[in-house]
Amino acid sequence: MNPPVLANPSFPIGFEPLAGTRADCDACGNAERVGFAFEFAYQPIVDVHTHQVFAHEALVRGPQGESAAHVLAQVNELNRYRFDQACRVKAIKGAKELGMAEHLSINFLPNAIYKPELCIRTTLEAARVHGFPLDRIIFEVTEGERIEDGPWFAQILREYKRCGFKTAIDDFGAGFAGLKLLSDFQPDIVKIDMDLVRHVDTSRPRQAIVRNLARLCEEMGITVIAEGIETPAERDFVADCGIRLMQGYLFARPAFRAIAPLNRGALIALE
């Protein structure tokens, strides 16, 4: 059974979730709904075998390109739900306006979820209004965010998957959930945290962790993305582990309100 509204401190007395109508979709990205303005930068996730872009991650930024920390510092208990909903709508709208043909990866705040079936409504409506296929939308949740109710969180992810979205655990290996979350729910994608990838070519402990995570996910049918690739040596070790999807400055930096151009030289070296 889903927990009542008051069980989540993000929702004050009298809270009303968005209904997921066209009017909600039109207004959800409006800063007045949230209380502050924000935009997105997009960073590609590349397949180093095919040299194609697999997805673009939508990364929140301030209206003038300020950092994600600048934006997230303005999120509080009263506006978290609206911010989470507005992020989804704005990211989908921006991707469509940029002509994005690949997957779109959107981060969401699990502690901003009211009921999955209600919180998904505006996302479904945004995808319909802007003509963005549901099976090209990936919802990422960071493993670094403390989840008070693991089974409830797993149920949220199941509902997203049931609706046709892909699911991903971001920053895997750096947070609170870890292998226990994987035992409760198997996402489509696991993104290995960049701190495990950094200098992986020279660190035997990191090598053992990354190699075994890749093997574990393969056995569970989970796609792996290595985050934070900055050097050819890191790329080559990760590729040797069988990981073909990568994200990092070696390939492209996030582009503010734009699709980032790839560093093709970083891909050609693998041919």
Protein backbone atom coordinates (compact mmCIF):
# COMPACT_ATOMS: atom_id res chain seq x y z
CA MET A 1 0.00 0.00 0.00
CA ASN A 2 1.28 3.48 -0.87
CA PRO A 3 2.11 5.71 2.10
CA PRO A 4 -0.22 8.63 2.84
CA VAL A 5 0.68 12.16 1.80
CA LEU A 6 1.59 13.27 5.31
CA ALA A 7 4.20 10.52 5.61
CA ASN A 8 6.44 12.59 3.33
CA PRO A 9 7.58 15.96 4.79
CA SER A 10 7.88 17.32 1.25
CA PHE A 11 4.10 17.68 1.12
CA PRO A 12 2.50 20.15 3.54
CA ILE A 13 -1.10 19.99 4.70
CA GLY A 14 -3.40 20.87 1.83
CA PHE A 15 -0.90 19.74 -0.82
CA GLU A 16 -2.47 19.02 -4.22
CA PRO A 17 -0.45 17.18 -6.87
CA LEU A 18 -0.54 18.26 -10.51
CA ALA A 19 -3.24 16.45 -12.41
CA GLY A 20 -1.21 15.95 -15.55
CA THR A 21 -3.37 17.97 -17.93
CA ARG A 22 -2.32 20.04 -20.95
CA ALA A 23 -2.69 23.15 -18.77
CA ASP A 24 -0.27 21.65 -16.25
CA CYS A 25 2.17 20.83 -19.03
CA ASP A 26 1.99 24.37 -20.43
CA ALA A 27 2.52 26.00 -17.03
CA CYS A 28 4.74 23.50 -15.23
CA GLY A 29 8.03 24.83 -16.56
CA ASN A 30 7.11 28.38 -15.57
CA ALA A 31 9.41 29.75 -12.90
CA GLU A 32 6.42 31.20 -11.06
CA ARG A 33 5.32 27.66 -10.27
CA VAL A 34 8.65 26.90 -8.62
CA GLY A 35 9.76 30.30 -7.33
CA PHE A 36 13.01 30.60 -9.28
CA ALA A 37 14.25 30.27 -12.86
CA PHE A 38 16.43 27.47 -14.21
CA GLU A 39 17.59 26.00 -17.51
CA PHE A 40 19.36 22.87 -18.72
CA ALA A 41 22.68 21.88 -20.20
CA TYR A 42 22.89 18.60 -22.10
CA GLN A 43 25.83 16.18 -22.00
CA PRO A 44 26.04 13.19 -24.36
CA ILE A 45 26.52 9.57 -23.35
CA VAL A 46 28.40 7.80 -26.13
CA ASP A 47 28.70 4.24 -27.36
CA VAL A 48 32.41 3.82 -27.95
CA HIS A 49 31.86 0.77 -30.16
CA THR A 50 29.46 2.35 -32.64
CA HIS A 51 30.77 5.92 -32.13
CA GLN A 52 27.15 7.07 -31.80
CA VAL A 53 25.43 9.09 -29.09
CA PHE A 54 23.24 6.85 -26.96
CA ALA A 55 21.63 9.56 -24.83
CA HIS A 56 21.89 13.13 -23.59
CA GLU A 57 21.68 13.79 -19.85
CA ALA A 58 19.73 16.93 -18.90
CA LEU A 59 21.77 18.78 -16.25
CA VAL A 60 20.08 21.60 -14.38
CA ARG A 61 21.68 25.04 -14.59
CA GLY A 62 20.81 28.58 -13.59
CA PRO A 63 19.22 30.94 -16.13
CA GLN A 64 22.65 32.29 -17.07
CA GLY A 65 24.40 28.94 -16.92
CA GLU A 66 25.06 28.97 -13.17
CA SER A 67 26.01 25.65 -11.57
CA ALA A 68 23.62 22.92 -10.52
CA ALA A 69 24.54 23.65 -6.89
CA HIS A 70 23.33 27.24 -7.36
CA VAL A 71 19.93 25.95 -8.48
CA LEU A 72 19.56 23.08 -6.01
CA ALA A 73 20.35 25.41 -3.10
CA GLN A 74 16.98 27.04 -3.79
CA VAL A 75 15.03 23.77 -3.54
CA ASN A 76 13.25 23.27 -0.22
CA GLU A 77 10.46 21.24 1.34
CA LEU A 78 7.76 23.51 -0.07
CA ASN A 79 8.88 23.69 -3.70
CA ARG A 80 10.58 20.30 -4.18
CA TYR A 81 7.59 18.63 -5.84
CA ARG A 82 6.96 21.52 -8.24
CA PHE A 83 10.66 21.74 -9.07
CA ASP A 84 10.84 18.01 -9.81
CA GLN A 85 7.79 18.20 -12.06
CA ALA A 86 9.00 21.36 -13.81
CA CYS A 87 12.37 19.74 -14.49
CA ARG A 88 10.74 16.88 -16.36
CA VAL A 89 8.57 19.13 -18.52
CA LYS A 90 11.33 21.63 -19.26
CA ALA A 91 13.89 18.92 -20.11
CA ILE A 92 11.50 17.18 -22.52
CA LYS A 93 10.45 20.45 -24.16
CA GLY A 94 14.09 21.55 -24.52
CA ALA A 95 15.15 18.22 -26.02
CA LYS A 96 12.38 18.37 -28.59
CA GLU A 97 13.22 21.96 -29.53
CA LEU A 98 16.86 20.92 -30.05
CA GLY A 99 15.77 18.11 -32.35
CA MET A 100 17.18 15.42 -30.07
CA ALA A 101 16.79 12.02 -31.70
CA GLU A 102 18.55 9.97 -29.00
CA HIS A 103 17.48 9.03 -25.48
CA LEU A 104 16.93 11.83 -22.98
CA SER A 105 18.09 11.15 -19.41
CA ILE A 106 16.33 13.14 -16.67
CA ASN A 107 17.27 13.17 -13.00
CA PHE A 108 14.40 13.01 -10.53
CA LEU A 109 14.09 13.49 -6.79
CA PRO A 110 12.70 10.32 -5.16
CA ASN A 111 11.78 12.22 -2.00
CA ALA A 112 9.57 14.48 -4.14
CA ILE A 113 7.30 11.60 -5.16
CA TYR A 114 3.70 11.73 -3.95
CA LYS A 115 2.23 8.70 -5.67
CA PRO A 116 3.99 7.34 -8.77
CA GLU A 117 0.82 7.18 -10.86
CA LEU A 118 0.06 10.84 -10.10
CA CYS A 119 3.59 12.19 -10.38
CA ILE A 120 4.02 10.55 -13.78
CA ARG A 121 0.95 12.26 -15.27
CA THR A 122 2.62 15.53 -16.18
CA THR A 123 5.59 13.66 -17.67
CA LEU A 124 3.28 11.60 -19.86
CA GLU A 125 1.44 14.72 -20.93
CA ALA A 126 4.68 16.59 -21.68
CA ALA A 127 5.92 13.69 -23.81
CA ARG A 128 2.61 13.62 -25.69
CA VAL A 129 2.40 17.38 -26.23
CA HIS A 130 5.98 17.61 -27.49
CA GLY A 131 5.95 14.36 -29.41
CA PHE A 132 8.84 12.75 -27.53
CA PRO A 133 8.64 8.91 -27.42
CA LEU A 134 8.29 7.45 -23.92
CA ASP A 135 10.78 4.67 -24.62
CA ARG A 136 13.47 7.29 -25.27
CA ILE A 137 13.10 8.84 -21.80
CA ILE A 138 15.39 7.60 -19.02
CA PHE A 139 14.72 8.54 -15.41
CA GLU A 140 17.87 8.66 -13.29
CA VAL A 141 17.94 8.70 -9.52
CA THR A 142 21.15 9.21 -7.64
CA GLU A 143 22.19 6.46 -5.27
CA GLY A 144 23.66 9.23 -3.13
CA GLU A 145 20.25 10.47 -2.00
CA ARG A 146 19.14 8.82 1.22
CA ILE A 147 15.97 6.84 0.72
CA GLU A 148 14.02 6.28 3.90
CA ASP A 149 11.82 3.50 2.52
CA GLY A 150 13.70 1.19 0.14
CA PRO A 151 10.76 -1.02 -0.91
CA TRP A 152 8.62 2.06 -1.58
CA PHE A 153 11.39 3.53 -3.71
CA ALA A 154 11.65 0.27 -5.65
CA GLN A 155 7.90 0.46 -6.25
CA ILE A 156 8.31 3.98 -7.68
CA LEU A 157 10.88 2.70 -10.16
CA ARG A 158 8.66 -0.25 -11.12
CA GLU A 159 5.82 2.14 -11.90
CA TYR A 160 8.05 4.25 -14.13
CA LYS A 161 9.18 1.13 -15.95
CA ARG A 162 5.59 -0.07 -16.32
CA CYS A 163 4.68 3.21 -18.03
CA GLY A 164 7.35 2.63 -20.66
CA PHE A 165 10.21 4.75 -19.33
CA LYS A 166 13.72 3.43 -18.86
CA THR A 167 15.17 3.61 -15.34
CA ALA A 168 18.71 4.25 -14.15
CA ILE A 169 20.58 4.43 -10.85
CA ASP A 170 23.09 7.27 -11.00
CA ASP A 171 26.35 7.55 -9.03
CA PHE A 172 26.25 3.85 -8.22
CA GLY A 173 28.81 2.91 -5.61
CA ALA A 174 28.88 6.29 -3.89
CA GLY A 175 25.72 6.41 -1.83
CA PHE A 176 23.32 4.75 0.56
CA ALA A 177 21.40 2.16 -1.42
CA GLY A 178 24.00 0.04 -3.19
CA LEU A 179 23.52 -3.67 -3.71
CA LYS A 180 20.43 -3.74 -1.48
CA LEU A 181 18.61 -1.56 -4.02
CA LEU A 182 19.65 -3.88 -6.85
CA SER A 183 18.21 -6.82 -4.92
CA ASP A 184 14.84 -5.01 -4.62
CA PHE A 185 14.75 -3.63 -8.16
CA GLN A 186 16.77 -4.16 -11.30
CA PRO A 187 16.91 -0.93 -13.33
CA ASP A 188 17.61 -0.81 -17.04
CA ILE A 189 20.85 1.09 -16.44
CA VAL A 190 23.46 1.51 -13.71
CA LYS A 191 25.83 4.49 -13.93
CA ILE A 192 29.10 3.81 -12.15
CA ASP A 193 30.10 6.79 -10.02
CA MET A 194 32.86 8.97 -11.40
CA ASP A 195 34.92 8.65 -8.20
CA LEU A 196 35.30 4.94 -8.93
CA VAL A 197 36.25 5.70 -12.54
CA ARG A 198 38.80 8.42 -11.71
CA HIS A 199 42.33 7.03 -12.17
CA VAL A 200 40.88 3.54 -12.53
CA ASP A 201 43.76 2.70 -14.89
CA THR A 202 46.27 3.02 -12.03
CA SER A 203 44.23 1.94 -8.99
CA ARG A 204 43.95 -1.80 -8.38
CA PRO A 205 41.07 -1.46 -5.85
CA ARG A 206 39.06 0.65 -8.31
CA GLN A 207 39.85 -1.80 -11.09
CA ALA A 208 38.54 -4.72 -9.05
CA ILE A 209 35.34 -2.84 -8.14
CA VAL A 210 34.60 -1.62 -11.68
CA ARG A 211 35.42 -4.98 -13.26
CA ASN A 212 33.14 -6.88 -10.86
CA LEU A 213 30.33 -4.34 -11.10
CA ALA A 214 30.39 -4.73 -14.86
CA ARG A 215 30.26 -8.52 -14.51
CA LEU A 216 27.45 -8.37 -11.94
CA CYS A 217 25.32 -6.08 -14.09
CA GLU A 218 25.88 -8.25 -17.14
CA GLU A 219 24.59 -11.28 -15.24
CA MET A 220 21.52 -9.28 -14.16
CA GLY A 221 20.82 -7.95 -17.64
CA ILE A 222 21.57 -4.34 -16.65
CA THR A 223 23.30 -1.92 -19.01
CA VAL A 224 26.31 -0.10 -17.52
CA ILE A 225 27.41 3.50 -18.13
CA ALA A 226 30.77 4.70 -16.85
CA GLU A 227 30.62 8.34 -15.74
CA GLY A 228 33.40 10.91 -15.50
CA ILE A 229 35.72 9.58 -18.21
CA GLU A 230 38.44 12.22 -18.61
CA THR A 231 41.47 10.39 -20.01
CA PRO A 232 42.11 7.85 -22.77
CA ALA A 233 43.60 5.50 -20.15
CA GLU A 234 40.37 5.53 -18.10
CA ARG A 235 38.36 4.96 -21.28
CA ASP A 236 40.51 2.04 -22.36
CA PHE A 237 40.35 0.23 -19.02
CA VAL A 238 36.58 0.64 -18.80
CA ALA A 239 36.20 -0.59 -22.38
CA ASP A 240 38.33 -3.64 -21.54
CA CYS A 241 35.79 -4.43 -18.80
CA GLY A 242 33.12 -4.72 -21.48
CA ILE A 243 31.52 -1.32 -20.80
CA ARG A 244 30.70 0.43 -24.06
CA LEU A 245 28.57 3.37 -22.85
CA MET A 246 30.57 6.25 -21.39
CA GLN A 247 30.09 9.86 -20.34
CA GLY A 248 32.68 12.48 -19.50
CA TYR A 249 34.77 15.46 -20.51
CA LEU A 250 36.95 13.29 -22.76
CA PHE A 251 34.00 13.04 -25.16
CA ALA A 252 32.10 16.29 -24.55
CA ARG A 253 31.37 18.86 -21.88
CA PRO A 254 27.75 19.79 -21.12
CA ALA A 255 26.38 22.36 -23.58
CA PHE A 256 24.08 25.04 -22.19
CA ARG A 257 20.70 24.87 -23.92
CA ALA A 258 22.36 23.02 -26.81
CA ILE A 259 23.48 19.62 -28.05
CA ALA A 260 27.19 19.27 -27.33
CA PRO A 261 29.60 18.49 -30.19
CA LEU A 262 31.58 15.28 -29.69
CA ASN A 263 35.35 15.05 -29.52
CA ARG A 264 35.56 12.55 -32.37
CA GLY A 265 39.24 11.99 -31.72
CA ALA A 266 38.40 10.35 -28.40
CA LEU A 267 36.29 7.79 -30.29
CA ILE A 268 38.59 7.16 -33.24
CA ALA A 269 41.33 5.93 -30.89
CA LEU A 270 39.21 2.86 -30.14
CA GLU A 271 38.98 1.70 -33.74
